[in-house]
């Protein structure tokens, strides 16, 4: 089935994205290539996504990395906003209504929901995968489950040294 085909069941869509991610992500590619292609794959695959990208960790800050969507915040402190909270807690954060999230950073005022998955390698956060939507409650347990699987594929195909972008 073509990735651009309409699939009503999000589980089936995610399974298709997972299979493409396995082939798309290569240990031979620079990390920026893999992150860029993964952001493009996710944006193209789900119409509910208004913005998708990565924030790369350096010290206790996250810096904007490859993304698809409108311009974005460039730097986020660990513990600030949804991305910073996810990085600090080292866990996925799903927010149904960002306007009710204490400390939310509104890079795009039209965003209404968000999910952030940390990329933790050897006990250290190297980046977060951030997805926004203009829809409320756009991200559910299915999204969390499959996005975490996608991050695992990414981690298997990107060596620790390649995550050091500085």
N, C-alpha and C. Protein backbone atom coordinates (compact mmCIF):
# COMPACT_ATOMS: atom_id res chain seq x y z
N UNK A 1 0.85 -1.19 0.00
CA UNK A 1 0.00 0.00 0.00
C UNK A 1 0.88 1.24 0.00
N UNK A 2 0.53 2.23 -0.76
CA UNK A 2 1.29 3.47 -0.87
C UNK A 2 1.12 4.32 0.39
N UNK A 3 2.22 4.92 0.85
CA UNK A 3 2.19 5.75 2.07
C UNK A 3 1.21 6.91 1.93
N UNK A 4 0.95 7.36 0.71
CA UNK A 4 0.03 8.48 0.49
C UNK A 4 -1.43 8.05 0.44
N UNK A 5 -1.68 6.75 0.45
CA UNK A 5 -3.05 6.26 0.44
C UNK A 5 -3.74 6.63 1.75
N UNK A 6 -5.04 6.80 1.67
CA UNK A 6 -5.79 7.10 2.88
C UNK A 6 -6.01 5.81 3.66
N UNK A 7 -5.53 5.81 4.87
CA UNK A 7 -5.72 4.68 5.78
C UNK A 7 -6.44 5.22 7.00
N UNK A 8 -7.60 4.69 7.27
CA UNK A 8 -8.40 5.21 8.38
C UNK A 8 -7.82 4.78 9.72
N UNK A 9 -7.36 3.54 9.81
CA UNK A 9 -6.84 3.01 11.06
C UNK A 9 -5.42 3.52 11.30
N UNK A 10 -5.21 4.33 12.35
CA UNK A 10 -3.87 4.87 12.61
C UNK A 10 -2.82 3.78 12.87
N UNK A 11 -3.24 2.65 13.42
CA UNK A 11 -2.30 1.56 13.66
C UNK A 11 -1.72 1.06 12.35
N UNK A 12 -2.56 0.88 11.35
CA UNK A 12 -2.09 0.43 10.03
C UNK A 12 -1.16 1.47 9.41
N UNK A 13 -1.49 2.73 9.56
CA UNK A 13 -0.64 3.80 9.02
C UNK A 13 0.72 3.77 9.71
N UNK A 14 0.73 3.64 11.03
CA UNK A 14 1.99 3.58 11.76
C UNK A 14 2.82 2.36 11.38
N UNK A 15 2.18 1.22 11.16
CA UNK A 15 2.91 0.03 10.74
C UNK A 15 3.60 0.28 9.41
N UNK A 16 2.93 0.96 8.52
CA UNK A 16 3.51 1.30 7.23
C UNK A 16 4.70 2.26 7.41
N UNK A 17 4.53 3.26 8.27
CA UNK A 17 5.61 4.21 8.53
C UNK A 17 6.80 3.49 9.18
N UNK A 18 6.53 2.58 10.11
CA UNK A 18 7.61 1.82 10.74
C UNK A 18 8.42 1.05 9.71
N UNK A 19 7.73 0.38 8.79
CA UNK A 19 8.46 -0.40 7.79
C UNK A 19 9.28 0.52 6.89
N UNK A 20 8.77 1.70 6.57
CA UNK A 20 9.55 2.64 5.77
C UNK A 20 10.73 3.20 6.56
N UNK A 21 10.53 3.44 7.84
CA UNK A 21 11.59 3.98 8.69
C UNK A 21 12.76 3.01 8.77
N UNK A 22 12.47 1.70 8.84
CA UNK A 22 13.52 0.70 8.91
C UNK A 22 14.45 0.82 7.69
N UNK A 23 13.86 1.03 6.52
CA UNK A 23 14.67 1.13 5.30
C UNK A 23 15.26 2.52 5.10
N UNK A 24 14.57 3.53 5.59
CA UNK A 24 15.00 4.91 5.39
C UNK A 24 16.19 5.28 6.27
N UNK A 25 16.18 4.81 7.51
CA UNK A 25 17.23 5.18 8.46
C UNK A 25 18.42 4.26 8.29
N UNK A 26 19.56 4.85 8.03
CA UNK A 26 20.75 4.07 7.77
C UNK A 26 21.89 4.53 8.68
N UNK A 27 22.61 3.56 9.24
CA UNK A 27 23.76 3.87 10.07
C UNK A 27 24.87 4.52 9.25
N UNK A 28 24.82 4.33 7.95
CA UNK A 28 25.83 4.93 7.09
C UNK A 28 25.60 6.40 6.81
N UNK A 29 24.41 6.89 7.12
CA UNK A 29 24.09 8.30 6.87
C UNK A 29 24.47 9.18 8.06
N UNK A 30 24.80 10.44 7.80
CA UNK A 30 24.97 11.37 8.93
C UNK A 30 23.65 11.50 9.70
N UNK A 31 23.74 11.77 10.98
CA UNK A 31 22.55 11.85 11.82
C UNK A 31 21.56 12.88 11.29
N UNK A 32 22.04 14.01 10.77
CA UNK A 32 21.13 15.03 10.25
C UNK A 32 20.32 14.52 9.07
N UNK A 33 20.91 13.67 8.26
CA UNK A 33 20.19 13.07 7.13
C UNK A 33 19.06 12.20 7.64
N UNK A 34 19.36 11.35 8.62
CA UNK A 34 18.32 10.47 9.17
C UNK A 34 17.20 11.25 9.85
N UNK A 35 17.57 12.26 10.63
CA UNK A 35 16.56 13.06 11.32
C UNK A 35 15.70 13.83 10.32
N UNK A 36 16.32 14.36 9.29
CA UNK A 36 15.58 15.11 8.26
C UNK A 36 14.60 14.21 7.53
N UNK A 37 15.04 13.04 7.12
CA UNK A 37 14.15 12.12 6.41
C UNK A 37 13.02 11.62 7.31
N UNK A 38 13.32 11.37 8.56
CA UNK A 38 12.28 10.91 9.48
C UNK A 38 11.23 11.99 9.70
N UNK A 39 11.65 13.24 9.86
CA UNK A 39 10.68 14.34 10.00
C UNK A 39 9.80 14.44 8.77
N UNK A 40 10.40 14.33 7.59
CA UNK A 40 9.63 14.41 6.34
C UNK A 40 8.65 13.24 6.23
N UNK A 41 9.09 12.04 6.57
CA UNK A 41 8.22 10.87 6.51
C UNK A 41 7.00 11.04 7.41
N UNK A 42 7.21 11.48 8.64
CA UNK A 42 6.09 11.65 9.57
C UNK A 42 5.14 12.75 9.10
N UNK A 43 5.68 13.88 8.66
CA UNK A 43 4.84 15.00 8.21
C UNK A 43 3.99 14.59 7.03
N UNK A 44 4.59 13.88 6.09
CA UNK A 44 3.87 13.45 4.89
C UNK A 44 2.81 12.39 5.20
N UNK A 45 3.04 11.61 6.23
CA UNK A 45 2.17 10.46 6.51
C UNK A 45 0.92 10.79 7.30
N UNK A 46 0.92 11.87 8.06
CA UNK A 46 -0.20 12.16 8.95
C UNK A 46 -0.68 13.59 8.76
N UNK A 47 -1.88 13.75 8.25
CA UNK A 47 -2.42 15.09 7.99
C UNK A 47 -2.66 15.87 9.28
N UNK A 48 -2.80 15.19 10.41
CA UNK A 48 -3.04 15.89 11.67
C UNK A 48 -1.80 16.63 12.18
N UNK A 49 -0.63 16.31 11.64
CA UNK A 49 0.61 16.94 12.10
C UNK A 49 0.79 18.29 11.42
N UNK A 50 0.88 19.34 12.22
CA UNK A 50 1.14 20.68 11.68
C UNK A 50 2.64 20.99 11.68
N UNK A 51 3.37 20.36 12.59
CA UNK A 51 4.81 20.58 12.71
C UNK A 51 5.42 19.32 13.30
N UNK A 52 6.57 18.92 12.78
CA UNK A 52 7.30 17.78 13.34
C UNK A 52 8.78 18.06 13.20
N UNK A 53 9.52 17.76 14.25
CA UNK A 53 10.95 17.98 14.17
C UNK A 53 11.67 17.50 15.40
N UNK A 54 12.95 17.80 15.40
CA UNK A 54 13.83 17.38 16.47
C UNK A 54 14.47 18.58 17.13
N UNK A 55 14.63 18.48 18.44
CA UNK A 55 15.44 19.43 19.19
C UNK A 55 16.61 18.62 19.73
N UNK A 56 17.81 19.10 19.46
CA UNK A 56 19.04 18.40 19.83
C UNK A 56 19.55 18.96 21.17
N UNK A 57 19.90 18.06 22.08
CA UNK A 57 20.36 18.47 23.41
C UNK A 57 21.84 18.83 23.39
N UNK A 58 22.14 19.90 24.10
CA UNK A 58 23.53 20.29 24.38
C UNK A 58 23.50 20.90 25.77
N UNK A 59 24.16 20.22 26.70
CA UNK A 59 24.08 20.65 28.09
C UNK A 59 22.65 20.49 28.57
N UNK A 60 22.11 21.55 29.15
CA UNK A 60 20.74 21.53 29.66
C UNK A 60 19.80 22.33 28.75
N UNK A 61 20.14 22.40 27.47
CA UNK A 61 19.32 23.12 26.50
C UNK A 61 19.05 22.23 25.30
N UNK A 62 17.93 22.52 24.64
CA UNK A 62 17.56 21.86 23.39
C UNK A 62 17.65 22.89 22.29
N UNK A 63 18.30 22.51 21.18
CA UNK A 63 18.46 23.41 20.05
C UNK A 63 17.72 22.84 18.84
N UNK A 64 17.06 23.71 18.10
CA UNK A 64 16.29 23.31 16.93
C UNK A 64 17.15 22.51 15.96
N UNK A 65 16.61 21.38 15.54
CA UNK A 65 17.26 20.52 14.55
C UNK A 65 16.38 20.40 13.33
N UNK A 66 16.54 19.34 12.56
CA UNK A 66 15.73 19.15 11.35
C UNK A 66 14.24 19.12 11.68
N UNK A 67 13.45 19.77 10.82
CA UNK A 67 12.01 19.81 11.05
C UNK A 67 11.26 20.03 9.75
N UNK A 68 9.93 19.83 9.82
CA UNK A 68 9.01 20.11 8.73
C UNK A 68 7.88 20.96 9.31
N UNK A 69 7.66 22.13 8.74
CA UNK A 69 6.60 23.02 9.21
C UNK A 69 7.07 24.45 9.25
N UNK A 70 6.29 25.28 9.93
CA UNK A 70 6.62 26.70 10.05
C UNK A 70 7.86 26.89 10.92
N UNK A 71 8.40 28.11 10.87
CA UNK A 71 9.57 28.42 11.70
C UNK A 71 9.26 28.09 13.15
N UNK A 72 10.31 27.80 13.91
CA UNK A 72 10.10 27.29 15.27
C UNK A 72 11.03 27.97 16.26
N UNK A 73 10.75 27.73 17.52
CA UNK A 73 11.63 28.21 18.60
C UNK A 73 13.00 27.58 18.40
N UNK A 74 14.03 28.35 18.67
CA UNK A 74 15.38 27.88 18.41
C UNK A 74 16.02 27.18 19.60
N UNK A 75 15.71 27.66 20.82
CA UNK A 75 16.34 27.11 22.02
C UNK A 75 15.29 26.93 23.11
N UNK A 76 15.35 25.79 23.78
CA UNK A 76 14.43 25.48 24.88
C UNK A 76 15.25 24.91 26.03
N UNK A 77 15.04 25.43 27.22
CA UNK A 77 15.72 24.91 28.41
C UNK A 77 15.08 23.60 28.86
N UNK A 78 15.90 22.67 29.34
CA UNK A 78 15.35 21.46 29.97
C UNK A 78 14.39 21.92 31.07
N UNK A 79 13.21 21.32 31.11
CA UNK A 79 12.22 21.65 32.12
C UNK A 79 11.23 22.71 31.67
N UNK A 80 11.49 23.38 30.53
CA UNK A 80 10.58 24.42 30.03
C UNK A 80 9.78 23.90 28.84
N UNK A 81 8.50 24.23 28.83
CA UNK A 81 7.65 23.79 27.73
C UNK A 81 7.52 22.28 27.69
N UNK A 82 6.78 21.79 26.72
CA UNK A 82 6.55 20.35 26.60
C UNK A 82 7.85 19.63 26.26
N UNK A 83 8.63 20.20 25.33
CA UNK A 83 9.90 19.57 24.95
C UNK A 83 10.87 19.51 26.12
N UNK A 84 11.00 20.60 26.84
CA UNK A 84 11.92 20.65 27.96
C UNK A 84 11.52 19.73 29.10
N UNK A 85 10.21 19.61 29.34
CA UNK A 85 9.72 18.70 30.38
C UNK A 85 10.00 17.25 29.97
N UNK A 86 9.76 16.92 28.70
CA UNK A 86 10.04 15.57 28.22
C UNK A 86 11.52 15.24 28.37
N UNK A 87 12.38 16.19 28.01
CA UNK A 87 13.82 15.97 28.11
C UNK A 87 14.25 15.80 29.57
N UNK A 88 13.72 16.64 30.43
CA UNK A 88 14.11 16.59 31.85
C UNK A 88 13.64 15.29 32.52
N UNK A 89 12.40 14.88 32.21
CA UNK A 89 11.84 13.66 32.81
C UNK A 89 12.29 12.39 32.09
N UNK A 90 12.84 12.57 30.87
CA UNK A 90 13.23 11.44 30.03
C UNK A 90 12.05 10.50 29.78
N UNK A 91 10.90 11.11 29.50
CA UNK A 91 9.71 10.31 29.18
C UNK A 91 8.84 11.05 28.17
N UNK A 92 8.03 10.28 27.47
CA UNK A 92 7.12 10.85 26.48
C UNK A 92 6.05 11.66 27.18
N UNK A 93 5.75 12.84 26.63
CA UNK A 93 4.71 13.70 27.18
C UNK A 93 3.68 13.93 26.09
N UNK A 94 2.42 13.61 26.40
CA UNK A 94 1.29 13.83 25.49
C UNK A 94 0.42 14.92 26.10
N UNK A 95 0.16 15.97 25.32
CA UNK A 95 -0.65 17.08 25.81
C UNK A 95 -1.85 17.26 24.88
N UNK A 96 -3.04 17.03 25.41
CA UNK A 96 -4.27 17.15 24.61
C UNK A 96 -4.60 18.59 24.29
N UNK A 97 -4.29 19.51 25.23
CA UNK A 97 -4.58 20.93 25.06
C UNK A 97 -3.39 21.71 25.60
N UNK A 98 -2.54 22.20 24.69
CA UNK A 98 -1.32 22.89 25.12
C UNK A 98 -1.61 24.17 25.88
N UNK A 99 -2.80 24.75 25.69
CA UNK A 99 -3.15 25.99 26.38
C UNK A 99 -3.37 25.77 27.87
N UNK A 100 -3.53 24.49 28.26
CA UNK A 100 -3.69 24.14 29.67
C UNK A 100 -2.41 23.58 30.27
N UNK A 101 -1.34 23.52 29.50
CA UNK A 101 -0.06 22.99 29.96
C UNK A 101 0.74 24.13 30.58
N UNK A 102 1.02 24.02 31.86
CA UNK A 102 1.76 25.07 32.56
C UNK A 102 3.14 25.24 31.95
N UNK A 103 3.45 26.44 31.52
CA UNK A 103 4.76 26.74 30.95
C UNK A 103 4.90 26.43 29.49
N UNK A 104 3.79 26.15 28.82
CA UNK A 104 3.86 25.85 27.38
C UNK A 104 4.50 27.01 26.62
N UNK A 105 5.37 26.67 25.69
CA UNK A 105 6.03 27.67 24.84
C UNK A 105 5.31 27.67 23.50
N UNK A 106 4.66 28.78 23.19
CA UNK A 106 3.84 28.87 21.97
C UNK A 106 4.67 29.36 20.79
N UNK A 107 5.39 28.43 20.16
CA UNK A 107 6.14 28.79 18.94
C UNK A 107 5.16 29.09 17.81
N UNK A 108 4.05 28.36 17.77
CA UNK A 108 2.98 28.57 16.79
C UNK A 108 1.68 28.68 17.59
N UNK A 109 1.10 29.86 17.60
CA UNK A 109 -0.12 30.12 18.40
C UNK A 109 -1.29 29.25 17.98
N UNK A 110 -1.24 28.67 16.78
CA UNK A 110 -2.34 27.83 16.30
C UNK A 110 -2.24 26.38 16.78
N UNK A 111 -1.14 26.01 17.40
CA UNK A 111 -0.97 24.65 17.92
C UNK A 111 -1.91 24.43 19.09
N UNK A 112 -2.58 23.27 19.09
CA UNK A 112 -3.51 22.95 20.18
C UNK A 112 -3.15 21.68 20.93
N UNK A 113 -2.39 20.77 20.31
CA UNK A 113 -1.96 19.57 21.02
C UNK A 113 -0.55 19.20 20.57
N UNK A 114 0.10 18.38 21.39
CA UNK A 114 1.51 18.09 21.15
C UNK A 114 1.89 16.76 21.79
N UNK A 115 2.87 16.11 21.19
CA UNK A 115 3.49 14.93 21.78
C UNK A 115 4.99 15.06 21.59
N UNK A 116 5.74 14.74 22.63
CA UNK A 116 7.20 14.82 22.58
C UNK A 116 7.78 13.52 23.11
N UNK A 117 8.67 12.91 22.31
CA UNK A 117 9.32 11.66 22.68
C UNK A 117 10.81 11.91 22.84
N UNK A 118 11.36 11.64 24.03
CA UNK A 118 12.80 11.83 24.21
C UNK A 118 13.59 10.72 23.52
N UNK A 119 14.77 11.08 23.05
CA UNK A 119 15.69 10.10 22.48
C UNK A 119 16.84 9.99 23.48
N UNK A 120 16.82 8.91 24.25
CA UNK A 120 17.77 8.69 25.33
C UNK A 120 18.71 7.56 24.92
N UNK A 121 19.99 7.84 24.90
CA UNK A 121 21.00 6.84 24.56
C UNK A 121 22.00 6.77 25.70
N UNK A 122 22.21 5.56 26.21
CA UNK A 122 23.13 5.35 27.35
C UNK A 122 22.83 6.29 28.51
N UNK A 123 21.54 6.44 28.82
CA UNK A 123 21.13 7.23 29.97
C UNK A 123 21.20 8.73 29.80
N UNK A 124 21.41 9.21 28.57
CA UNK A 124 21.52 10.65 28.35
C UNK A 124 20.59 11.07 27.21
N UNK A 125 19.87 12.18 27.42
CA UNK A 125 19.00 12.71 26.37
C UNK A 125 19.87 13.38 25.31
N UNK A 126 19.73 12.91 24.08
CA UNK A 126 20.46 13.50 22.97
C UNK A 126 19.57 14.38 22.12
N UNK A 127 18.26 14.11 22.16
CA UNK A 127 17.31 14.89 21.36
C UNK A 127 15.91 14.55 21.81
N UNK A 128 14.95 15.31 21.31
CA UNK A 128 13.54 14.96 21.46
C UNK A 128 12.88 15.04 20.10
N UNK A 129 11.91 14.18 19.87
CA UNK A 129 11.07 14.21 18.69
C UNK A 129 9.79 14.93 19.10
N UNK A 130 9.46 16.02 18.41
CA UNK A 130 8.33 16.88 18.77
C UNK A 130 7.33 16.90 17.62
N UNK A 131 6.06 16.63 17.93
CA UNK A 131 4.99 16.71 16.94
C UNK A 131 3.89 17.61 17.48
N UNK A 132 3.43 18.54 16.65
CA UNK A 132 2.36 19.46 17.01
C UNK A 132 1.17 19.23 16.08
N UNK A 133 -0.01 19.64 16.56
CA UNK A 133 -1.22 19.57 15.74
C UNK A 133 -2.11 20.76 16.04
N UNK A 134 -2.82 21.20 15.00
CA UNK A 134 -3.81 22.26 15.19
C UNK A 134 -5.09 21.69 15.79
N UNK A 135 -5.22 20.37 15.82
CA UNK A 135 -6.38 19.70 16.42
C UNK A 135 -6.14 19.51 17.91
N UNK A 136 -7.20 19.59 18.68
CA UNK A 136 -7.11 19.25 20.10
C UNK A 136 -7.09 17.72 20.22
N UNK A 137 -6.35 17.22 21.20
CA UNK A 137 -6.28 15.79 21.49
C UNK A 137 -5.96 14.96 20.25
N UNK A 138 -5.06 15.46 19.42
CA UNK A 138 -4.70 14.77 18.18
C UNK A 138 -3.86 13.52 18.44
N UNK A 139 -3.15 13.49 19.56
CA UNK A 139 -2.23 12.40 19.83
C UNK A 139 -2.74 11.55 20.98
N UNK A 140 -2.73 10.26 20.75
CA UNK A 140 -3.28 9.29 21.71
C UNK A 140 -2.23 8.25 22.08
N UNK A 141 -2.67 7.23 22.79
CA UNK A 141 -1.78 6.15 23.20
C UNK A 141 -1.18 5.43 21.99
N UNK A 142 -1.94 5.30 20.92
CA UNK A 142 -1.42 4.68 19.69
C UNK A 142 -0.23 5.47 19.16
N UNK A 143 -0.36 6.79 19.12
CA UNK A 143 0.75 7.64 18.66
C UNK A 143 1.97 7.45 19.55
N UNK A 144 1.74 7.48 20.84
CA UNK A 144 2.85 7.32 21.81
C UNK A 144 3.56 6.00 21.56
N UNK A 145 2.81 4.94 21.46
CA UNK A 145 3.38 3.60 21.29
C UNK A 145 4.24 3.54 20.02
N UNK A 146 3.69 3.98 18.90
CA UNK A 146 4.42 3.85 17.64
C UNK A 146 5.54 4.88 17.48
N UNK A 147 5.37 6.07 18.00
CA UNK A 147 6.47 7.04 17.94
C UNK A 147 7.65 6.57 18.78
N UNK A 148 7.37 5.95 19.91
CA UNK A 148 8.46 5.39 20.72
C UNK A 148 9.15 4.26 19.97
N UNK A 149 8.41 3.46 19.21
CA UNK A 149 9.01 2.40 18.38
C UNK A 149 9.89 3.02 17.29
N UNK A 150 9.43 4.10 16.68
CA UNK A 150 10.20 4.78 15.65
C UNK A 150 11.50 5.32 16.24
N UNK A 151 11.43 5.88 17.44
CA UNK A 151 12.64 6.37 18.11
C UNK A 151 13.61 5.22 18.38
N UNK A 152 13.09 4.05 18.74
CA UNK A 152 13.95 2.88 18.97
C UNK A 152 14.66 2.49 17.68
N UNK A 153 13.95 2.52 16.55
CA UNK A 153 14.58 2.22 15.26
C UNK A 153 15.67 3.24 14.98
N UNK A 154 15.38 4.50 15.22
CA UNK A 154 16.37 5.56 15.02
C UNK A 154 17.61 5.29 15.87
N UNK A 155 17.41 4.96 17.14
CA UNK A 155 18.54 4.72 18.05
C UNK A 155 19.38 3.53 17.61
N UNK A 156 18.76 2.50 17.04
CA UNK A 156 19.50 1.33 16.57
C UNK A 156 20.33 1.66 15.34
N UNK A 157 19.91 2.67 14.59
CA UNK A 157 20.57 2.98 13.33
C UNK A 157 21.46 4.22 13.38
N UNK A 158 21.57 4.81 14.54
CA UNK A 158 22.42 5.98 14.70
C UNK A 158 23.34 5.74 15.88
N UNK A 159 24.62 5.70 15.62
CA UNK A 159 25.56 5.42 16.69
C UNK A 159 25.66 6.63 17.63
N UNK A 160 26.08 6.38 18.84
CA UNK A 160 26.20 7.41 19.86
C UNK A 160 27.07 8.56 19.37
N UNK A 161 28.16 8.26 18.71
CA UNK A 161 29.07 9.29 18.22
C UNK A 161 28.37 10.20 17.21
N UNK A 162 27.48 9.64 16.43
CA UNK A 162 26.82 10.44 15.41
C UNK A 162 25.81 11.41 16.01
N UNK A 163 25.40 11.17 17.24
CA UNK A 163 24.47 12.11 17.88
C UNK A 163 25.17 13.37 18.35
N UNK A 164 26.49 13.34 18.44
CA UNK A 164 27.23 14.53 18.84
C UNK A 164 27.35 15.46 17.65
N UNK A 165 26.50 16.47 17.59
CA UNK A 165 26.44 17.37 16.44
C UNK A 165 27.31 18.60 16.61
N UNK A 166 28.00 18.71 17.73
CA UNK A 166 28.81 19.91 17.95
C UNK A 166 30.24 19.71 17.50
